[in-house]
Structure formats: structure tokens, C-alpha cells
């Protein structure tokens, strides 16, 4: 299989990679806060927009494909933050298994 060609010039949007940290709330539950892990360059492509009715309210689900250079910290459950936008990482893959780039399937958080 030929290696995936990723134009490094496409990785021009700067984003903060964040990971969740749970702290006890003292009542048996946990509070989730987000900690900055790294700043990296990414390329964001919209993939789908879907609307649905839920409890008499209309919800939008927006998914994106995010490409970045490989980093061990880029994992399912983390998120990318840029500006006011948050993209939750749902899945991570190495498209050509060379260890150079990662492609993340993400969902935009409201």
C-alpha cells in the first residue's frame, strides 16, 4: 500500500489539545475539567451534519475529520479547542500505518 499523502501545508490551524480530568465532588460523583496538553497544527474537514428531534427539541450533530501530526496524547476522549469551538475525539487512526499522521473522527460539542 502506498503511503498516504498529507500536504503539511494544510496543517495551518492552531488548536489546543485538552484531556479530561475527573475530581471527586464529595458526594460520590465526579466533576470533569479540561487540562491543556499541547498546542498543535491541525486540518479540519466537515464530514456530516445531521438534525434530529429529541424530547421535543431539535439537536444538531456535526462531525469532522481532523488530521494532525502523530502525538501519543491524541486519544479517544480528548478534544481539540480552537477559538470558541470544541471538537471531541471519538476515534483515532493512523491511515497509512507509518506513524507520521493521525486522522481523528470528531464531533463538535455545543
PDB file of N, CA and C in Angstrom:
ATOM      1  N   UNK A   1       0.846  -1.175   0.000  1.00  0.00           N
ATOM      2  CA  UNK A   1       0.000   0.000   0.000  1.00  0.00           C
ATOM      3  C   UNK A   1       0.891   1.237   0.000  1.00  0.00           C
ATOM      4  N   UNK A   2       0.577   2.171  -0.859  1.00  0.00           N
ATOM      5  CA  UNK A   2       1.340   3.416  -0.931  1.00  0.00           C
ATOM      6  C   UNK A   2       1.013   4.284   0.276  1.00  0.00           C
ATOM      7  N   UNK A   3       2.013   4.997   0.805  1.00  0.00           N
ATOM      8  CA  UNK A   3       1.745   5.870   1.945  1.00  0.00           C
ATOM      9  C   UNK A   3       0.752   6.973   1.589  1.00  0.00           C
ATOM     10  N   UNK A   4      -0.045   7.349   2.582  1.00  0.00           N
ATOM     11  CA  UNK A   4      -0.997   8.431   2.409  1.00  0.00           C
ATOM     12  C   UNK A   4      -0.235   9.725   2.202  1.00  0.00           C
ATOM     13  N   UNK A   5      -0.647  10.511   1.206  1.00  0.00           N
ATOM     14  CA  UNK A   5      -0.012  11.801   1.007  1.00  0.00           C
ATOM     15  C   UNK A   5      -0.788  12.846   1.783  1.00  0.00           C
ATOM     16  N   UNK A   6      -0.140  13.462   2.754  1.00  0.00           N
ATOM     17  CA  UNK A   6      -0.728  14.557   3.508  1.00  0.00           C
ATOM     18  C   UNK A   6       0.144  15.771   3.263  1.00  0.00           C
ATOM     19  N   UNK A   7      -0.453  16.813   2.727  1.00  0.00           N
ATOM     20  CA  UNK A   7       0.268  18.049   2.488  1.00  0.00           C
ATOM     21  C   UNK A   7       0.449  18.765   3.821  1.00  0.00           C
ATOM     22  N   UNK A   8       1.675  18.864   4.352  1.00  0.00           N
ATOM     23  CA  UNK A   8       1.882  19.527   5.635  1.00  0.00           C
ATOM     24  C   UNK A   8       1.405  20.977   5.635  1.00  0.00           C
ATOM     25  N   UNK A   9       1.311  21.596   4.464  1.00  0.00           N
ATOM     26  CA  UNK A   9       0.817  22.962   4.373  1.00  0.00           C
ATOM     27  C   UNK A   9      -0.651  23.093   4.761  1.00  0.00           C
ATOM     28  N   UNK A  10      -1.386  21.970   4.748  1.00  0.00           N
ATOM     29  CA  UNK A  10      -2.788  22.003   5.169  1.00  0.00           C
ATOM     30  C   UNK A  10      -2.932  22.120   6.684  1.00  0.00           C
ATOM     31  N   UNK A  11      -1.899  21.754   7.416  1.00  0.00           N
ATOM     32  CA  UNK A  11      -1.957  21.776   8.884  1.00  0.00           C
ATOM     33  C   UNK A  11      -1.651  23.180   9.380  1.00  0.00           C
ATOM     34  N   UNK A  12      -2.543  24.114   9.095  1.00  0.00           N
ATOM     35  CA  UNK A  12      -2.250  25.512   9.414  1.00  0.00           C
ATOM     36  C   UNK A  12      -3.155  26.122  10.473  1.00  0.00           C
ATOM     37  N   UNK A  13      -4.118  25.370  10.966  1.00  0.00           N
ATOM     38  CA  UNK A  13      -4.974  25.877  12.046  1.00  0.00           C
ATOM     39  C   UNK A  13      -4.358  25.432  13.371  1.00  0.00           C
ATOM     40  N   UNK A  14      -4.123  26.396  14.258  1.00  0.00           N
ATOM     41  CA  UNK A  14      -3.555  26.083  15.575  1.00  0.00           C
ATOM     42  C   UNK A  14      -4.687  25.718  16.529  1.00  0.00           C
ATOM     43  N   UNK A  15      -4.495  24.644  17.275  1.00  0.00           N
ATOM     44  CA  UNK A  15      -5.502  24.179  18.222  1.00  0.00           C
ATOM     45  C   UNK A  15      -4.823  23.725  19.501  1.00  0.00           C
ATOM     46  N   UNK A  16      -5.591  23.740  20.565  1.00  0.00           N
ATOM     47  CA  UNK A  16      -5.127  23.245  21.852  1.00  0.00           C
ATOM     48  C   UNK A  16      -5.714  21.852  22.031  1.00  0.00           C
ATOM     49  N   UNK A  17      -4.865  20.889  22.363  1.00  0.00           N
ATOM     50  CA  UNK A  17      -5.321  19.551  22.696  1.00  0.00           C
ATOM     51  C   UNK A  17      -5.585  19.530  24.192  1.00  0.00           C
ATOM     52  N   UNK A  18      -6.780  19.088  24.589  1.00  0.00           N
ATOM     53  CA  UNK A  18      -7.147  19.029  26.001  1.00  0.00           C
ATOM     54  C   UNK A  18      -7.543  17.603  26.365  1.00  0.00           C
ATOM     55  N   UNK A  19      -7.309  17.239  27.620  1.00  0.00           N
ATOM     56  CA  UNK A  19      -7.747  15.932  28.116  1.00  0.00           C
ATOM     57  C   UNK A  19      -8.604  16.148  29.352  1.00  0.00           C
ATOM     58  N   UNK A  20      -9.555  15.243  29.597  1.00  0.00           N
ATOM     59  CA  UNK A  20     -10.425  15.404  30.757  1.00  0.00           C
ATOM     60  C   UNK A  20      -9.738  14.937  32.036  1.00  0.00           C
ATOM     61  N   UNK A  21     -10.029  15.632  33.131  1.00  0.00           N
ATOM     62  CA  UNK A  21      -9.538  15.250  34.449  1.00  0.00           C
ATOM     63  C   UNK A  21     -10.734  15.238  35.385  1.00  0.00           C
ATOM     64  N   UNK A  22     -10.954  14.099  36.034  1.00  0.00           N
ATOM     65  CA  UNK A  22     -12.074  13.978  36.956  1.00  0.00           C
ATOM     66  C   UNK A  22     -11.605  14.227  38.382  1.00  0.00           C
ATOM     67  N   UNK A  23     -12.376  15.025  39.121  1.00  0.00           N
ATOM     68  CA  UNK A  23     -12.108  15.241  40.543  1.00  0.00           C
ATOM     69  C   UNK A  23     -13.383  14.908  41.300  1.00  0.00           C
ATOM     70  N   UNK A  24     -13.224  14.325  42.457  1.00  0.00           N
ATOM     71  CA  UNK A  24     -14.367  13.933  43.276  1.00  0.00           C
ATOM     72  C   UNK A  24     -15.151  15.167  43.700  1.00  0.00           C
ATOM     73  N   UNK A  25     -16.474  15.037  43.675  1.00  0.00           N
ATOM     74  CA  UNK A  25     -17.306  16.153  44.125  1.00  0.00           C
ATOM     75  C   UNK A  25     -17.736  15.995  45.578  1.00  0.00           C
ATOM     76  N   UNK A  26     -17.256  14.944  46.243  1.00  0.00           N
ATOM     77  CA  UNK A  26     -17.552  14.716  47.645  1.00  0.00           C
ATOM     78  C   UNK A  26     -18.894  14.053  47.892  1.00  0.00           C
ATOM     79  N   UNK A  27     -19.661  13.813  46.872  1.00  0.00           N
ATOM     80  CA  UNK A  27     -20.972  13.181  47.022  1.00  0.00           C
ATOM     81  C   UNK A  27     -21.054  11.878  46.234  1.00  0.00           C
ATOM     82  N   UNK A  28     -19.920  11.289  45.940  1.00  0.00           N
ATOM     83  CA  UNK A  28     -19.891  10.031  45.205  1.00  0.00           C
ATOM     84  C   UNK A  28     -19.809  10.191  43.701  1.00  0.00           C
ATOM     85  N   UNK A  29     -19.855  11.411  43.224  1.00  0.00           N
ATOM     86  CA  UNK A  29     -19.758  11.674  41.792  1.00  0.00           C
ATOM     87  C   UNK A  29     -18.419  12.292  41.460  1.00  0.00           C
ATOM     88  N   UNK A  30     -18.312  12.782  40.267  1.00  0.00           N
ATOM     89  CA  UNK A  30     -17.070  13.414  39.832  1.00  0.00           C
ATOM     90  C   UNK A  30     -17.378  14.638  38.992  1.00  0.00           C
ATOM     91  N   UNK A  31     -16.501  15.594  39.058  1.00  0.00           N
ATOM     92  CA  UNK A  31     -16.597  16.792  38.239  1.00  0.00           C
ATOM     93  C   UNK A  31     -15.488  16.701  37.190  1.00  0.00           C
ATOM     94  N   UNK A  32     -15.824  16.981  35.952  1.00  0.00           N
ATOM     95  CA  UNK A  32     -14.845  16.895  34.864  1.00  0.00           C
ATOM     96  C   UNK A  32     -14.374  18.300  34.510  1.00  0.00           C
ATOM     97  N   UNK A  33     -13.068  18.470  34.489  1.00  0.00           N
ATOM     98  CA  UNK A  33     -12.475  19.711  33.998  1.00  0.00           C
ATOM     99  C   UNK A  33     -11.499  19.327  32.892  1.00  0.00           C
ATOM    100  N   UNK A  34     -11.122  20.310  32.090  1.00  0.00           N
ATOM    101  CA  UNK A  34     -10.266  20.045  30.939  1.00  0.00           C
ATOM    102  C   UNK A  34      -8.913  20.706  31.155  1.00  0.00           C
ATOM    103  N   UNK A  35      -7.841  19.929  30.896  1.00  0.00           N
ATOM    104  CA  UNK A  35      -6.475  20.392  31.083  1.00  0.00           C
ATOM    105  C   UNK A  35      -5.783  20.481  29.732  1.00  0.00           C
ATOM    106  N   UNK A  36      -5.102  21.572  29.496  1.00  0.00           N
ATOM    107  CA  UNK A  36      -4.358  21.772  28.253  1.00  0.00           C
ATOM    108  C   UNK A  36      -3.152  20.832  28.237  1.00  0.00           C
ATOM    109  N   UNK A  37      -3.016  20.095  27.136  1.00  0.00           N
ATOM    110  CA  UNK A  37      -1.919  19.137  26.997  1.00  0.00           C
ATOM    111  C   UNK A  37      -0.843  19.669  26.054  1.00  0.00           C
ATOM    112  N   UNK A  38      -1.271  20.198  24.915  1.00  0.00           N
ATOM    113  CA  UNK A  38      -0.315  20.660  23.904  1.00  0.00           C
ATOM    114  C   UNK A  38      -1.009  21.589  22.929  1.00  0.00           C
ATOM    115  N   UNK A  39      -0.212  22.361  22.220  1.00  0.00           N
ATOM    116  CA  UNK A  39      -0.713  23.155  21.105  1.00  0.00           C
ATOM    117  C   UNK A  39      -0.169  22.522  19.845  1.00  0.00           C
ATOM    118  N   UNK A  40      -1.033  22.312  18.851  1.00  0.00           N
ATOM    119  CA  UNK A  40      -0.577  21.673  17.632  1.00  0.00           C
ATOM    120  C   UNK A  40      -1.303  22.238  16.420  1.00  0.00           C
ATOM    121  N   UNK A  41      -0.779  21.912  15.258  1.00  0.00           N
ATOM    122  CA  UNK A  41      -1.370  22.341  13.993  1.00  0.00           C
ATOM    123  C   UNK A  41      -2.258  21.228  13.465  1.00  0.00           C
ATOM    124  N   UNK A  42      -3.455  21.608  13.007  1.00  0.00           N
ATOM    125  CA  UNK A  42      -4.415  20.621  12.522  1.00  0.00           C
ATOM    126  C   UNK A  42      -5.038  21.082  11.216  1.00  0.00           C
ATOM    127  N   UNK A  43      -5.672  20.139  10.545  1.00  0.00           N
ATOM    128  CA  UNK A  43      -6.505  20.425   9.374  1.00  0.00           C
ATOM    129  C   UNK A  43      -7.887  19.869   9.677  1.00  0.00           C
ATOM    130  N   UNK A  44      -8.921  20.695   9.551  1.00  0.00           N
ATOM    131  CA  UNK A  44     -10.287  20.304   9.884  1.00  0.00           C
ATOM    132  C   UNK A  44     -11.134  20.256   8.623  1.00  0.00           C
ATOM    133  N   UNK A  45     -11.842  19.128   8.444  1.00  0.00           N
ATOM    134  CA  UNK A  45     -12.763  18.971   7.320  1.00  0.00           C
ATOM    135  C   UNK A  45     -14.132  18.575   7.861  1.00  0.00           C
ATOM    136  N   UNK A  46     -15.186  19.322   7.539  1.00  0.00           N
ATOM    137  CA  UNK A  46     -16.522  18.897   7.943  1.00  0.00           C
ATOM    138  C   UNK A  46     -16.905  17.618   7.203  1.00  0.00           C
ATOM    139  N   UNK A  47     -17.599  16.714   7.905  1.00  0.00           N
ATOM    140  CA  UNK A  47     -17.981  15.447   7.294  1.00  0.00           C
ATOM    141  C   UNK A  47     -19.498  15.332   7.189  1.00  0.00           C
ATOM    142  N   UNK A  48     -20.207  15.438   8.321  1.00  0.00           N
ATOM    143  CA  UNK A  48     -21.660  15.303   8.285  1.00  0.00           C
ATOM    144  C   UNK A  48     -22.329  16.332   9.191  1.00  0.00           C
ATOM    145  N   UNK A  49     -23.557  16.651   8.819  1.00  0.00           N
ATOM    146  CA  UNK A  49     -24.441  17.458   9.665  1.00  0.00           C
ATOM    147  C   UNK A  49     -25.766  16.723   9.679  1.00  0.00           C
ATOM    148  N   UNK A  50     -26.232  16.384  10.874  1.00  0.00           N
ATOM    149  CA  UNK A  50     -27.490  15.662  10.987  1.00  0.00           C
ATOM    150  C   UNK A  50     -28.348  16.305  12.066  1.00  0.00           C
ATOM    151  N   UNK A  51     -29.617  16.474  11.765  1.00  0.00           N
ATOM    152  CA  UNK A  51     -30.566  17.026  12.736  1.00  0.00           C
ATOM    153  C   UNK A  51     -31.494  15.913  13.175  1.00  0.00           C
ATOM    154  N   UNK A  52     -31.889  15.972  14.449  1.00  0.00           N
ATOM    155  CA  UNK A  52     -32.865  15.008  14.950  1.00  0.00           C
ATOM    156  C   UNK A  52     -33.688  15.653  16.054  1.00  0.00           C
ATOM    157  N   UNK A  53     -34.864  15.079  16.262  1.00  0.00           N
ATOM    158  CA  UNK A  53     -35.737  15.531  17.339  1.00  0.00           C
ATOM    159  C   UNK A  53     -35.477  14.649  18.550  1.00  0.00           C
ATOM    160  N   UNK A  54     -35.321  15.295  19.703  1.00  0.00           N
ATOM    161  CA  UNK A  54     -35.103  14.547  20.943  1.00  0.00           C
ATOM    162  C   UNK A  54     -35.792  15.306  22.066  1.00  0.00           C
ATOM    163  N   UNK A  55     -36.750  14.659  22.703  1.00  0.00           N
ATOM    164  CA  UNK A  55     -37.510  15.281  23.784  1.00  0.00           C
ATOM    165  C   UNK A  55     -38.102  16.618  23.340  1.00  0.00           C
ATOM    166  N   UNK A  56     -38.680  16.617  22.164  1.00  0.00           N
ATOM    167  CA  UNK A  56     -39.320  17.800  21.582  1.00  0.00           C
ATOM    168  C   UNK A  56     -38.363  18.961  21.347  1.00  0.00           C
ATOM    169  N   UNK A  57     -37.099  18.662  21.248  1.00  0.00           N
ATOM    170  CA  UNK A  57     -36.091  19.684  20.927  1.00  0.00           C
ATOM    171  C   UNK A  57     -35.295  19.205  19.719  1.00  0.00           C
ATOM    172  N   UNK A  58     -34.874  20.130  18.902  1.00  0.00           N
ATOM    173  CA  UNK A  58     -34.088  19.790  17.715  1.00  0.00           C
ATOM    174  C   UNK A  58     -32.611  19.836  18.073  1.00  0.00           C
ATOM    175  N   UNK A  59     -31.905  18.743  17.797  1.00  0.00           N
ATOM    176  CA  UNK A  59     -30.469  18.655  18.058  1.00  0.00           C
ATOM    177  C   UNK A  59     -29.719  18.535  16.751  1.00  0.00           C
ATOM    178  N   UNK A  60     -28.544  19.128  16.721  1.00  0.00           N
ATOM    179  CA  UNK A  60     -27.674  19.021  15.553  1.00  0.00           C
ATOM    180  C   UNK A  60     -26.452  18.200  15.942  1.00  0.00           C
ATOM    181  N   UNK A  61     -26.054  17.302  15.080  1.00  0.00           N
ATOM    182  CA  UNK A  61     -24.823  16.544  15.271  1.00  0.00           C
ATOM    183  C   UNK A  61     -23.916  16.867  14.095  1.00  0.00           C
ATOM    184  N   UNK A  62     -22.765  17.464  14.403  1.00  0.00           N
ATOM    185  CA  UNK A  62     -21.824  17.884  13.374  1.00  0.00           C
ATOM    186  C   UNK A  62     -20.530  17.112  13.588  1.00  0.00           C
ATOM    187  N   UNK A  63     -20.095  16.375  12.567  1.00  0.00           N
ATOM    188  CA  UNK A  63     -18.853  15.614  12.683  1.00  0.00           C
ATOM    189  C   UNK A  63     -17.792  16.187  11.749  1.00  0.00           C
ATOM    190  N   UNK A  64     -16.546  15.967  12.124  1.00  0.00           N
ATOM    191  CA  UNK A  64     -15.397  16.473  11.375  1.00  0.00           C
ATOM    192  C   UNK A  64     -14.315  15.405  11.320  1.00  0.00           C
ATOM    193  N   UNK A  65     -13.477  15.533  10.312  1.00  0.00           N
ATOM    194  CA  UNK A  65     -12.255  14.735  10.217  1.00  0.00           C
ATOM    195  C   UNK A  65     -11.114  15.709  10.482  1.00  0.00           C
ATOM    196  N   UNK A  66     -10.297  15.393  11.477  1.00  0.00           N
ATOM    197  CA  UNK A  66      -9.183  16.256  11.858  1.00  0.00           C
ATOM    198  C   UNK A  66      -7.884  15.486  11.625  1.00  0.00           C
ATOM    199  N   UNK A  67      -6.982  16.095  10.879  1.00  0.00           N
ATOM    200  CA  UNK A  67      -5.671  15.497  10.601  1.00  0.00           C
ATOM    201  C   UNK A  67      -4.618  16.281  11.367  1.00  0.00           C
ATOM    202  N   UNK A  68      -3.680  15.554  11.983  1.00  0.00           N
ATOM    203  CA  UNK A  68      -2.588  16.200  12.707  1.00  0.00           C
ATOM    204  C   UNK A  68      -1.360  15.293  12.657  1.00  0.00           C
ATOM    205  N   UNK A  69      -0.233  15.854  13.042  1.00  0.00           N
ATOM    206  CA  UNK A  69       0.969  15.025  13.167  1.00  0.00           C
ATOM    207  C   UNK A  69       0.791  14.106  14.361  1.00  0.00           C
ATOM    208  N   UNK A  70       1.408  12.948  14.304  1.00  0.00           N
ATOM    209  CA  UNK A  70       1.250  11.952  15.358  1.00  0.00           C
ATOM    210  C   UNK A  70       1.770  12.471  16.691  1.00  0.00           C
ATOM    211  N   UNK A  71       0.981  12.273  17.722  1.00  0.00           N
ATOM    212  CA  UNK A  71       1.337  12.556  19.115  1.00  0.00           C
ATOM    213  C   UNK A  71       0.662  11.498  19.966  1.00  0.00           C
ATOM    214  N   UNK A  72       1.351  10.991  20.964  1.00  0.00           N
ATOM    215  CA  UNK A  72       0.765   9.981  21.838  1.00  0.00           C
ATOM    216  C   UNK A  72      -0.433  10.509  22.620  1.00  0.00           C
ATOM    217  N   UNK A  73      -0.465  11.810  22.873  1.00  0.00           N
ATOM    218  CA  UNK A  73      -1.545  12.400  23.666  1.00  0.00           C
ATOM    219  C   UNK A  73      -2.865  12.498  22.907  1.00  0.00           C
ATOM    220  N   UNK A  74      -2.826  12.375  21.588  1.00  0.00           N
ATOM    221  CA  UNK A  74      -4.058  12.439  20.791  1.00  0.00           C
ATOM    222  C   UNK A  74      -4.746  11.091  20.927  1.00  0.00           C
ATOM    223  N   UNK A  75      -5.816  11.066  21.732  1.00  0.00           N
ATOM    224  CA  UNK A  75      -6.508   9.825  22.056  1.00  0.00           C
ATOM    225  C   UNK A  75      -8.006  10.051  22.093  1.00  0.00           C
ATOM    226  N   UNK A  76      -8.730   8.953  21.965  1.00  0.00           N
ATOM    227  CA  UNK A  76     -10.187   8.995  22.112  1.00  0.00           C
ATOM    228  C   UNK A  76     -10.510   9.529  23.503  1.00  0.00           C
ATOM    229  N   UNK A  77     -11.460  10.441  23.578  1.00  0.00           N
ATOM    230  CA  UNK A  77     -11.845  11.029  24.856  1.00  0.00           C
ATOM    231  C   UNK A  77     -11.258  12.414  25.077  1.00  0.00           C
ATOM    232  N   UNK A  78     -10.198  12.747  24.358  1.00  0.00           N
ATOM    233  CA  UNK A  78      -9.609  14.090  24.439  1.00  0.00           C
ATOM    234  C   UNK A  78     -10.407  15.002  23.493  1.00  0.00           C
ATOM    235  N   UNK A  79      -9.990  16.255  23.389  1.00  0.00           N
ATOM    236  CA  UNK A  79     -10.666  17.164  22.464  1.00  0.00           C
ATOM    237  C   UNK A  79      -9.710  18.231  21.953  1.00  0.00           C
ATOM    238  N   UNK A  80     -10.057  18.773  20.789  1.00  0.00           N
ATOM    239  CA  UNK A  80      -9.343  19.905  20.214  1.00  0.00           C
ATOM    240  C   UNK A  80     -10.144  21.159  20.531  1.00  0.00           C
ATOM    241  N   UNK A  81      -9.455  22.242  20.909  1.00  0.00           N
ATOM    242  CA  UNK A  81     -10.111  23.526  21.160  1.00  0.00           C
ATOM    243  C   UNK A  81      -9.433  24.578  20.303  1.00  0.00           C
ATOM    244  N   UNK A  82     -10.222  25.301  19.537  1.00  0.00           N
ATOM    245  CA  UNK A  82      -9.696  26.455  18.796  1.00  0.00           C
ATOM    246  C   UNK A  82     -10.795  27.492  18.748  1.00  0.00           C
ATOM    247  N   UNK A  83     -10.452  28.698  19.178  1.00  0.00           N
ATOM    248  CA  UNK A  83     -11.465  29.738  19.308  1.00  0.00           C
ATOM    249  C   UNK A  83     -12.515  29.288  20.310  1.00  0.00           C
ATOM    250  N   UNK A  84     -13.769  29.438  19.937  1.00  0.00           N
ATOM    251  CA  UNK A  84     -14.881  29.014  20.800  1.00  0.00           C
ATOM    252  C   UNK A  84     -15.328  27.579  20.498  1.00  0.00           C
ATOM    253  N   UNK A  85     -14.686  26.928  19.560  1.00  0.00           N
ATOM    254  CA  UNK A  85     -15.107  25.593  19.133  1.00  0.00           C
ATOM    255  C   UNK A  85     -14.385  24.500  19.911  1.00  0.00           C
ATOM    256  N   UNK A  86     -15.119  23.403  20.141  1.00  0.00           N
ATOM    257  CA  UNK A  86     -14.586  22.220  20.813  1.00  0.00           C
ATOM    258  C   UNK A  86     -14.933  21.009  19.961  1.00  0.00           C
ATOM    259  N   UNK A  87     -13.932  20.214  19.607  1.00  0.00           N
ATOM    260  CA  UNK A  87     -14.153  19.001  18.822  1.00  0.00           C
ATOM    261  C   UNK A  87     -13.741  17.798  19.663  1.00  0.00           C
ATOM    262  N   UNK A  88     -14.717  17.020  20.112  1.00  0.00           N
ATOM    263  CA  UNK A  88     -14.459  15.826  20.919  1.00  0.00           C
ATOM    264  C   UNK A  88     -13.949  14.713  20.017  1.00  0.00           C
ATOM    265  N   UNK A  89     -12.866  14.069  20.420  1.00  0.00           N
ATOM    266  CA  UNK A  89     -12.268  12.995  19.617  1.00  0.00           C
ATOM    267  C   UNK A  89     -12.998  11.690  19.909  1.00  0.00           C
ATOM    268  N   UNK A  90     -13.628  11.117  18.879  1.00  0.00           N
ATOM    269  CA  UNK A  90     -14.373   9.867  19.011  1.00  0.00           C
ATOM    270  C   UNK A  90     -13.548   8.655  18.612  1.00  0.00           C
ATOM    271  N   UNK A  91     -12.654   8.826  17.638  1.00  0.00           N
ATOM    272  CA  UNK A  91     -11.815   7.723  17.154  1.00  0.00           C
ATOM    273  C   UNK A  91     -10.542   8.302  16.552  1.00  0.00           C
ATOM    274  N   UNK A  92      -9.452   7.541  16.669  1.00  0.00           N
ATOM    275  CA  UNK A  92      -8.151   7.959  16.149  1.00  0.00           C
ATOM    276  C   UNK A  92      -7.575   6.819  15.321  1.00  0.00           C
ATOM    277  N   UNK A  93      -7.049   7.153  14.139  1.00  0.00           N
ATOM    278  CA  UNK A  93      -6.418   6.121  13.316  1.00  0.00           C
ATOM    279  C   UNK A  93      -5.158   6.669  12.659  1.00  0.00           C
ATOM    280  N   UNK A  94      -4.261   5.741  12.355  1.00  0.00           N
ATOM    281  CA  UNK A  94      -3.052   6.042  11.594  1.00  0.00           C
ATOM    282  C   UNK A  94      -3.348   5.533  10.185  1.00  0.00           C
ATOM    283  N   UNK A  95      -3.734   6.422   9.266  1.00  0.00           N
ATOM    284  CA  UNK A  95      -4.293   5.985   7.985  1.00  0.00           C
ATOM    285  C   UNK A  95      -3.380   5.128   7.123  1.00  0.00           C
ATOM    286  N   UNK A  96      -2.075   5.337   7.187  1.00  0.00           N
ATOM    287  CA  UNK A  96      -1.178   4.525   6.364  1.00  0.00           C
ATOM    288  C   UNK A  96      -0.178   3.727   7.200  1.00  0.00           C
ATOM    289  N   UNK A  97      -0.368   3.729   8.519  1.00  0.00           N
ATOM    290  CA  UNK A  97       0.451   2.970   9.462  1.00  0.00           C
ATOM    291  C   UNK A  97       1.947   3.275   9.359  1.00  0.00           C
ATOM    292  N   UNK A  98       2.265   4.523   9.065  1.00  0.00           N
ATOM    293  CA  UNK A  98       3.677   4.928   9.031  1.00  0.00           C
ATOM    294  C   UNK A  98       4.074   5.682  10.292  1.00  0.00           C
ATOM    295  N   UNK A  99       3.093   6.051  11.124  1.00  0.00           N
ATOM    296  CA  UNK A  99       3.390   6.776  12.354  1.00  0.00           C
ATOM    297  C   UNK A  99       3.639   8.260  12.151  1.00  0.00           C
ATOM    298  N   UNK A 100       3.317   8.782  10.967  1.00  0.00           N
ATOM    299  CA  UNK A 100       3.561  10.202  10.702  1.00  0.00           C
ATOM    300  C   UNK A 100       2.372  11.074  11.068  1.00  0.00           C
ATOM    301  N   UNK A 101       1.176  10.647  10.693  1.00  0.00           N
ATOM    302  CA  UNK A 101      -0.019  11.460  10.877  1.00  0.00           C
ATOM    303  C   UNK A 101      -1.124  10.651  11.545  1.00  0.00           C
ATOM    304  N   UNK A 102      -2.064  11.370  12.152  1.00  0.00           N
ATOM    305  CA  UNK A 102      -3.247  10.765  12.714  1.00  0.00           C
ATOM    306  C   UNK A 102      -4.470  11.424  12.079  1.00  0.00           C
ATOM    307  N   UNK A 103      -5.499  10.635  11.877  1.00  0.00           N
ATOM    308  CA  UNK A 103      -6.783  11.148  11.424  1.00  0.00           C
ATOM    309  C   UNK A 103      -7.787  10.844  12.528  1.00  0.00           C
ATOM    310  N   UNK A 104      -8.450  11.894  13.011  1.00  0.00           N
ATOM    311  CA  UNK A 104      -9.391  11.757  14.115  1.00  0.00           C
ATOM    312  C   UNK A 104     -10.810  12.012  13.619  1.00  0.00           C
ATOM    313  N   UNK A 105     -11.726  11.156  14.041  1.00  0.00           N
ATOM    314  CA  UNK A 105     -13.140  11.408  13.788  1.00  0.00           C
ATOM    315  C   UNK A 105     -13.641  12.153  15.021  1.00  0.00           C
ATOM    316  N   UNK A 106     -14.199  13.326  14.810  1.00  0.00           N
ATOM    317  CA  UNK A 106     -14.582  14.197  15.928  1.00  0.00           C
ATOM    318  C   UNK A 106     -16.018  14.659  15.803  1.00  0.00           C
ATOM    319  N   UNK A 107     -16.584  15.019  16.944  1.00  0.00           N
ATOM    320  CA  UNK A 107     -17.925  15.596  16.968  1.00  0.00           C
ATOM    321  C   UNK A 107     -17.834  16.952  17.647  1.00  0.00           C
ATOM    322  N   UNK A 108     -18.484  17.929  17.039  1.00  0.00           N
ATOM    323  CA  UNK A 108     -18.452  19.280  17.603  1.00  0.00           C
ATOM    324  C   UNK A 108     -19.344  19.350  18.823  1.00  0.00           C
ATOM    325  N   UNK A 109     -18.792  19.844  19.919  1.00  0.00           N
ATOM    326  CA  UNK A 109     -19.558  19.979  21.155  1.00  0.00           C
ATOM    327  C   UNK A 109     -20.273  21.317  21.154  1.00  0.00           C
ATOM    328  N   UNK A 110     -21.509  21.295  21.642  1.00  0.00           N
ATOM    329  CA  UNK A 110     -22.303  22.527  21.680  1.00  0.00           C
ATOM    330  C   UNK A 110     -21.878  23.413  22.830  1.00  0.00           C
TER     331      UNK A 110
END
